[in-house]
Amino acid sequence: RGARTYWHMIPSGDQSTDADTKALSVYNNKFAENYMVGNLGMLDAVCSTWFGTNPLYVHMINFVPLTAATSLLFDAKYVKEEYTNALSKLYDGVEMAWKGYVVADRAIIDPNEAWKDAKKLISYELDAALSLSQLLYFISTRKEFSATGGDSSSEAGSSDSSSEPSKSTSSSSSACEIHPSCVDLGLSGECCPTSEGSTLGCCQDTGGENSQEQEATALSPSSSSPGGKENNSGETGAVTCEAHFNCVELSLSGDCCPTAAGTMLGCCGGSNGGSSSESNETAATATEESEEESGSSTSGSSCSVHPTCVDAQLTGLCCPTDAGDFLECCS
């Protein structure tokens, strides 16, 4: 009550009918246009401080510190007059050491706008008696504060866009919503890839054409599934032994052209009821070169050291194969 009577001032011409009028009985209108007394002692009342006459200093030195009692000392009726007529003119140019207090003062009458301003501040640049978390807490406890920080229109727009995925991201194969595994993880937005270009591990099995494309891309030559594979010649399904007559005759199974280790067996090329000597020669040459590099031709498992395997035009590893199987030609 003493601060409101002797420090807080409102000129009579600016007062609303419900404003505190006690200041009128103490100071004349001309002096009250300063809205805050700086120093008061005995019969002296001045609008300055011991360290300067800047109106900002006069107002804020009487505002500090920011505590729970601040709302009781500075009522909204007074702050509305003070901010509108004195502080708003200085607001944008306030130095960082005082900025937190000015934002807190504004929060008493406009917490949502004050919240936006506070989010731009850097805590360690504020006055030593104030932290950013302290300021944000003070603002968020104002009765008029909105959880969206006064940005309800943009928040609503964001909410509307996210609730209608068919108009935006869900129509794209990159959307998390069309990948069940991503949905199970509670992800939203873009996943396959993300906006940064990274493809998440949940990006599989969309149940549509895109899924099939991804699955085909993910398959490697070592895959044991016969569907959708290609050998080096581009022949779909020609990777499996069953697709090559000569390999079938040798009772081979699994992958032959090439094997899981990438070796092209001599029986490859016998699909469609015939054989391709040119293809076999090319494959044999490539295999021999590979064997020479790796030194596998001198190993007892090499097809080349088993005459029956050689007669069957097999190359690479036979006894056993890379898969651990011993072929019938092994002696």
Protein backbone atom coordinates (compact mmCIF):
# COMPACT_ATOMS: atom_id res chain seq x y z
CA ARG A 1 0.00 0.00 0.00
CA GLY A 2 2.88 2.37 0.75
CA ALA A 3 4.54 1.66 -2.64
CA ARG A 4 1.29 2.23 -4.48
CA THR A 5 0.71 5.49 -2.64
CA TYR A 6 4.17 7.07 -2.76
CA TRP A 7 5.94 5.43 -5.70
CA HIS A 8 3.32 4.47 -8.28
CA MET A 9 1.80 7.50 -9.99
CA ILE A 10 -0.94 7.99 -12.57
CA PRO A 11 -1.92 11.44 -13.88
CA SER A 12 -5.58 12.12 -13.19
CA GLY A 13 -6.32 12.62 -16.88
CA ASP A 14 -5.07 9.09 -17.66
CA GLN A 15 -6.77 7.27 -14.84
CA SER A 16 -9.63 4.90 -15.47
CA THR A 17 -12.52 4.95 -13.04
CA ASP A 18 -11.30 1.80 -11.26
CA ALA A 19 -7.62 2.76 -11.00
CA ASP A 20 -5.87 3.39 -7.70
CA THR A 21 -6.42 7.13 -7.07
CA LYS A 22 -4.39 7.51 -3.88
CA ALA A 23 -1.45 8.98 -5.83
CA LEU A 24 -3.60 11.97 -6.75
CA SER A 25 -3.65 13.17 -3.19
CA VAL A 26 0.18 13.13 -2.99
CA TYR A 27 1.60 14.44 -6.30
CA ASN A 28 0.47 16.91 -8.90
CA ASN A 29 -0.27 15.85 -12.46
CA LYS A 30 2.94 17.19 -13.97
CA PHE A 31 5.11 15.12 -11.67
CA ALA A 32 2.80 12.11 -11.94
CA GLU A 33 3.42 11.95 -15.70
CA ASN A 34 6.65 10.12 -14.84
CA TYR A 35 4.51 7.22 -13.50
CA MET A 36 7.24 6.19 -11.03
CA VAL A 37 9.14 7.94 -8.23
CA GLY A 38 12.87 7.21 -8.28
CA ASN A 39 14.00 8.32 -4.84
CA LEU A 40 11.84 9.33 -1.93
CA GLY A 41 13.16 10.67 1.37
CA MET A 42 11.86 13.10 3.92
CA LEU A 43 10.23 15.85 1.84
CA ASP A 44 12.11 15.02 -1.38
CA ALA A 45 10.58 13.01 -4.26
CA VAL A 46 12.55 12.80 -7.52
CA CYS A 47 12.28 10.82 -10.75
CA SER A 48 15.90 9.70 -10.81
CA THR A 49 18.18 7.15 -9.17
CA TRP A 50 21.62 7.46 -7.63
CA PHE A 51 23.09 5.86 -10.77
CA GLY A 52 21.17 7.70 -13.50
CA THR A 53 18.11 9.59 -14.70
CA ASN A 54 17.11 7.19 -17.45
CA PRO A 55 13.34 6.51 -17.01
CA LEU A 56 14.09 2.80 -17.54
CA TYR A 57 16.28 2.77 -14.43
CA VAL A 58 13.68 4.65 -12.40
CA HIS A 59 10.95 2.13 -13.22
CA MET A 60 12.92 -1.10 -13.13
CA ILE A 61 14.97 -0.43 -9.98
CA ASN A 62 11.63 -0.33 -8.19
CA PHE A 63 10.43 -3.47 -9.99
CA VAL A 64 13.28 -5.79 -8.92
CA PRO A 65 13.49 -8.46 -7.67
CA LEU A 66 11.00 -10.66 -9.54
CA THR A 67 9.18 -12.76 -6.93
CA ALA A 68 5.70 -14.06 -6.15
CA ALA A 69 5.04 -10.75 -4.41
CA THR A 70 5.61 -8.81 -7.63
CA SER A 71 2.01 -9.39 -8.72
CA LEU A 72 0.76 -7.93 -5.46
CA LEU A 73 3.01 -4.89 -5.64
CA PHE A 74 2.32 -4.18 -9.33
CA ASP A 75 -1.40 -4.55 -10.02
CA ALA A 76 -2.62 -4.81 -13.62
CA LYS A 77 -4.50 -1.49 -13.47
CA TYR A 78 -1.34 0.44 -12.68
CA VAL A 79 0.95 -1.54 -15.01
CA LYS A 80 -1.41 -0.92 -17.93
CA GLU A 81 -0.97 2.82 -17.50
CA GLU A 82 2.76 2.57 -16.75
CA TYR A 83 3.59 0.29 -19.69
CA THR A 84 1.43 2.11 -22.24
CA ASN A 85 2.64 5.61 -21.38
CA ALA A 86 6.22 5.06 -20.23
CA LEU A 87 7.78 1.66 -20.87
CA SER A 88 6.39 0.84 -24.34
CA LYS A 89 8.41 3.73 -25.77
CA LEU A 90 11.62 2.20 -24.40
CA TYR A 91 10.76 -1.48 -24.79
CA ASP A 92 12.55 -2.42 -28.02
CA GLY A 93 15.82 -0.71 -27.09
CA VAL A 94 16.18 -2.00 -23.54
CA GLU A 95 19.63 -3.42 -22.77
CA MET A 96 19.73 -7.15 -21.99
CA ALA A 97 20.53 -6.71 -18.30
CA TRP A 98 17.17 -4.99 -17.80
CA LYS A 99 15.20 -6.69 -20.57
CA GLY A 100 14.01 -9.59 -18.41
CA TYR A 101 12.41 -7.23 -15.92
CA VAL A 102 10.68 -5.17 -18.60
CA VAL A 103 9.29 -8.36 -20.15
CA ALA A 104 8.07 -9.47 -16.71
CA ASP A 105 6.36 -6.10 -16.24
CA ARG A 106 4.60 -6.52 -19.59
CA ALA A 107 3.55 -10.05 -18.62
CA ILE A 108 1.29 -8.64 -15.91
CA ILE A 109 -1.01 -7.20 -18.59
CA ASP A 110 -0.08 -9.24 -21.69
CA PRO A 111 1.51 -12.58 -20.74
CA ASN A 112 1.18 -14.15 -24.19
CA GLU A 113 3.19 -11.48 -25.98
CA ALA A 114 5.63 -11.36 -23.08
CA TRP A 115 6.14 -15.12 -23.46
CA LYS A 116 7.16 -14.67 -27.11
CA ASP A 117 9.63 -11.96 -26.10
CA ALA A 118 11.03 -14.05 -23.26
CA LYS A 119 11.72 -16.99 -25.60
CA LYS A 120 14.15 -14.75 -27.49
CA LEU A 121 16.23 -13.97 -24.40
CA ILE A 122 19.46 -15.67 -23.34
CA SER A 123 19.55 -16.54 -19.66
CA TYR A 124 23.19 -15.74 -18.91
CA GLU A 125 22.85 -12.28 -20.47
CA LEU A 126 20.11 -11.29 -18.02
CA ASP A 127 20.65 -9.57 -14.69
CA ALA A 128 22.43 -11.79 -12.13
CA ALA A 129 19.28 -11.78 -9.96
CA LEU A 130 17.09 -13.20 -12.74
CA SER A 131 17.13 -16.38 -14.83
CA LEU A 132 15.16 -17.20 -17.96
CA SER A 133 13.44 -20.15 -16.29
CA GLN A 134 12.35 -17.87 -13.45
CA LEU A 135 10.94 -15.38 -15.95
CA LEU A 136 9.11 -18.05 -17.96
CA TYR A 137 7.58 -19.48 -14.78
CA PHE A 138 6.34 -16.04 -13.73
CA ILE A 139 4.75 -15.46 -17.16
CA SER A 140 3.16 -18.91 -17.35
CA THR A 141 1.42 -18.43 -13.99
CA ARG A 142 -0.46 -15.34 -15.15
CA LYS A 143 -4.22 -15.89 -15.26
CA GLU A 144 -4.51 -14.70 -18.87
CA PHE A 145 -1.64 -16.86 -20.13
CA SER A 146 -2.49 -19.31 -22.93
CA ALA A 147 -0.66 -22.63 -23.21
CA THR A 148 0.11 -21.83 -26.84
CA GLY A 149 1.96 -18.71 -25.86
CA GLY A 150 -0.44 -16.46 -27.72
CA ASP A 151 0.15 -18.26 -31.00
CA SER A 152 -3.17 -20.09 -31.11
CA SER A 153 -3.81 -19.31 -34.76
CA SER A 154 -0.56 -20.82 -35.97
CA GLU A 155 -0.91 -23.73 -33.58
CA ALA A 156 -4.41 -24.36 -34.84
CA GLY A 157 -3.18 -24.23 -38.40
CA SER A 158 -0.48 -26.72 -37.59
CA SER A 159 -2.99 -28.97 -35.88
CA ASP A 160 -5.36 -28.82 -38.82
CA SER A 161 -2.64 -29.70 -41.30
CA SER A 162 -1.45 -32.63 -39.23
CA SER A 163 -4.98 -33.95 -38.79
CA GLU A 164 -5.47 -34.08 -42.56
CA PRO A 165 -2.49 -36.10 -43.74
CA SER A 166 -4.13 -36.97 -47.04
CA LYS A 167 -3.62 -33.37 -48.15
CA SER A 168 0.08 -33.31 -47.42
CA THR A 169 2.60 -35.88 -46.29
CA SER A 170 0.44 -39.01 -46.42
CA SER A 171 0.19 -38.79 -50.20
CA SER A 172 3.97 -39.18 -50.41
CA SER A 173 5.89 -42.41 -49.97
CA SER A 174 8.10 -40.59 -47.48
CA ALA A 175 5.26 -40.17 -44.98
CA CYS A 176 5.57 -42.13 -41.73
CA GLU A 177 1.82 -42.81 -41.81
CA ILE A 178 2.03 -45.26 -44.73
CA HIS A 179 4.70 -47.40 -43.08
CA PRO A 180 3.15 -49.68 -40.43
CA SER A 181 6.37 -50.11 -38.49
CA CYS A 182 6.80 -46.34 -38.25
CA VAL A 183 3.20 -45.96 -37.13
CA ASP A 184 3.78 -48.58 -34.41
CA LEU A 185 6.65 -46.44 -33.13
CA GLY A 186 4.34 -43.43 -32.92
CA LEU A 187 6.26 -41.50 -35.59
CA SER A 188 4.68 -38.84 -37.78
CA GLY A 189 5.74 -36.51 -40.56
CA GLU A 190 8.34 -37.81 -42.99
CA CYS A 191 10.31 -41.02 -42.34
CA CYS A 192 11.27 -42.60 -45.65
CA PRO A 193 13.33 -40.53 -46.00
CA THR A 194 13.17 -37.80 -43.32
CA SER A 195 13.43 -34.13 -44.24
CA GLU A 196 17.20 -34.48 -43.67
CA GLY A 197 17.39 -37.31 -46.21
CA SER A 198 17.85 -40.21 -43.75
CA THR A 199 15.80 -43.38 -44.25
CA LEU A 200 14.63 -44.84 -40.92
CA GLY A 201 14.70 -48.53 -40.13
CA CYS A 202 10.90 -48.70 -40.02
CA CYS A 203 10.66 -47.85 -43.71
CA GLN A 204 9.40 -51.19 -45.04
CA ASP A 205 6.27 -53.04 -46.00
CA THR A 206 3.77 -50.36 -46.94
CA GLY A 207 1.53 -52.98 -48.49
CA GLY A 208 1.59 -51.25 -51.85
CA GLU A 209 3.64 -50.81 -54.95
CA ASN A 210 6.20 -48.73 -53.12
CA SER A 211 6.79 -51.57 -50.68
CA GLN A 212 7.56 -53.99 -53.49
CA GLU A 213 10.04 -51.56 -54.95
CA GLN A 214 11.75 -51.15 -51.58
CA GLU A 215 11.85 -54.93 -51.05
CA ALA A 216 13.37 -55.53 -54.47
CA THR A 217 15.98 -52.87 -53.77
CA ALA A 218 16.80 -54.35 -50.38
CA LEU A 219 17.37 -57.88 -51.75
CA SER A 220 21.00 -58.88 -52.18
CA PRO A 221 22.50 -61.68 -54.31
CA SER A 222 22.90 -63.76 -51.14
CA SER A 223 19.18 -63.86 -50.47
CA SER A 224 17.78 -67.40 -50.50
CA SER A 225 14.34 -66.43 -51.72
CA PRO A 226 13.93 -67.26 -55.42
CA GLY A 227 11.32 -64.57 -56.13
CA GLY A 228 12.24 -61.33 -57.81
CA LYS A 229 16.03 -61.94 -58.03
CA GLU A 230 18.35 -61.19 -60.87
CA ASN A 231 21.71 -62.64 -61.74
CA ASN A 232 24.53 -60.64 -63.30
CA SER A 233 23.01 -61.14 -66.74
CA GLY A 234 19.76 -59.52 -65.63
CA GLU A 235 17.72 -62.72 -65.94
CA THR A 236 14.95 -62.62 -63.36
CA GLY A 237 14.78 -65.79 -61.24
CA ALA A 238 18.03 -67.18 -62.72
CA VAL A 239 19.88 -67.06 -59.41
CA THR A 240 18.44 -70.34 -58.10
CA CYS A 241 19.88 -73.71 -59.03
CA GLU A 242 16.39 -74.90 -60.00
CA ALA A 243 16.33 -72.44 -62.89
CA HIS A 244 19.34 -74.08 -64.55
CA PHE A 245 19.00 -77.56 -66.13
CA ASN A 246 22.63 -78.54 -65.63
CA CYS A 247 22.51 -77.56 -61.95
CA VAL A 248 19.36 -79.62 -61.46
CA GLU A 249 21.07 -82.61 -63.08
CA LEU A 250 23.78 -82.30 -60.45
CA SER A 251 21.14 -82.30 -57.71
CA LEU A 252 22.14 -78.80 -56.66
CA SER A 253 19.77 -76.58 -54.74
CA GLY A 254 19.67 -73.07 -53.32
CA ASP A 255 21.56 -70.36 -55.16
CA CYS A 256 23.95 -71.31 -57.99
CA CYS A 257 24.15 -68.41 -60.40
CA PRO A 258 25.79 -66.96 -58.44
CA THR A 259 26.14 -68.78 -55.09
CA ALA A 260 25.70 -67.01 -51.75
CA ALA A 261 29.43 -66.20 -51.90
CA GLY A 262 29.03 -64.63 -55.34
CA THR A 263 30.60 -67.54 -57.26
CA MET A 264 29.10 -68.43 -60.65
CA LEU A 265 28.99 -72.26 -60.95
CA GLY A 266 29.76 -74.04 -64.22
CA CYS A 267 26.21 -75.38 -64.52
CA CYS A 268 24.81 -71.87 -64.89
CA GLY A 269 23.38 -70.93 -68.24
CA GLY A 270 21.38 -74.10 -68.81
CA SER A 271 18.00 -72.46 -68.36
CA ASN A 272 15.36 -72.69 -71.10
CA GLY A 273 16.51 -76.23 -71.88
CA GLY A 274 19.97 -75.33 -73.19
CA SER A 275 23.37 -74.07 -72.18
CA SER A 276 25.40 -71.06 -73.09
CA SER A 277 29.03 -71.97 -73.60
CA GLU A 278 29.97 -68.34 -73.96
CA SER A 279 28.32 -67.52 -70.64
CA ASN A 280 29.97 -70.51 -68.99
CA GLU A 281 33.39 -69.58 -70.34
CA THR A 282 32.97 -66.02 -69.10
CA ALA A 283 31.81 -67.22 -65.70
CA ALA A 284 34.62 -69.79 -65.52
CA THR A 285 37.21 -67.18 -66.41
CA ALA A 286 35.88 -64.83 -63.75
CA THR A 287 35.84 -67.63 -61.21
CA GLU A 288 39.38 -68.74 -62.03
CA GLU A 289 40.61 -65.18 -61.69
CA SER A 290 38.84 -64.93 -58.35
CA GLU A 291 40.36 -68.24 -57.24
CA GLU A 292 43.82 -67.12 -58.24
CA GLU A 293 43.41 -63.95 -56.19
CA SER A 294 42.09 -65.75 -53.13
CA GLY A 295 44.26 -68.86 -53.47
CA SER A 296 41.24 -71.13 -53.17
CA SER A 297 42.22 -73.29 -56.17
CA THR A 298 44.89 -75.02 -54.09
CA SER A 299 42.40 -75.93 -51.40
CA GLY A 300 40.96 -79.46 -51.15
CA SER A 301 37.48 -77.95 -51.29
CA SER A 302 38.06 -76.49 -54.76
CA CYS A 303 36.08 -78.08 -57.59
CA SER A 304 39.26 -78.03 -59.73
CA VAL A 305 40.95 -80.74 -57.65
CA HIS A 306 38.10 -83.19 -58.11
CA PRO A 307 38.03 -84.74 -61.63
CA THR A 308 34.33 -85.60 -61.54
CA CYS A 309 33.52 -81.99 -60.60
CA VAL A 310 35.77 -80.76 -63.39
CA ASP A 311 33.96 -83.07 -65.87
CA ALA A 312 30.72 -81.50 -64.68
CA GLN A 313 32.22 -78.09 -65.50
CA LEU A 314 31.94 -76.98 -61.88
CA THR A 315 34.17 -74.24 -60.54
CA GLY A 316 34.73 -72.56 -57.22
CA LEU A 317 34.19 -74.60 -54.06
CA CYS A 318 32.56 -78.04 -54.24
CA CYS A 319 33.82 -80.19 -51.37
CA PRO A 320 32.27 -78.58 -49.49
CA THR A 321 30.51 -75.62 -51.10
CA ASP A 322 30.29 -72.23 -49.36
CA ALA A 323 27.04 -73.46 -47.82
CA GLY A 324 28.82 -76.50 -46.33
CA ASP A 325 27.31 -79.09 -48.73
CA PHE A 326 29.40 -81.86 -50.35
CA LEU A 327 28.47 -82.39 -54.02
CA GLU A 328 28.16 -85.86 -55.55
CA CYS A 329 31.25 -85.24 -57.63
CA CYS A 330 33.48 -85.04 -54.57
CA SER A 331 36.01 -87.97 -54.48
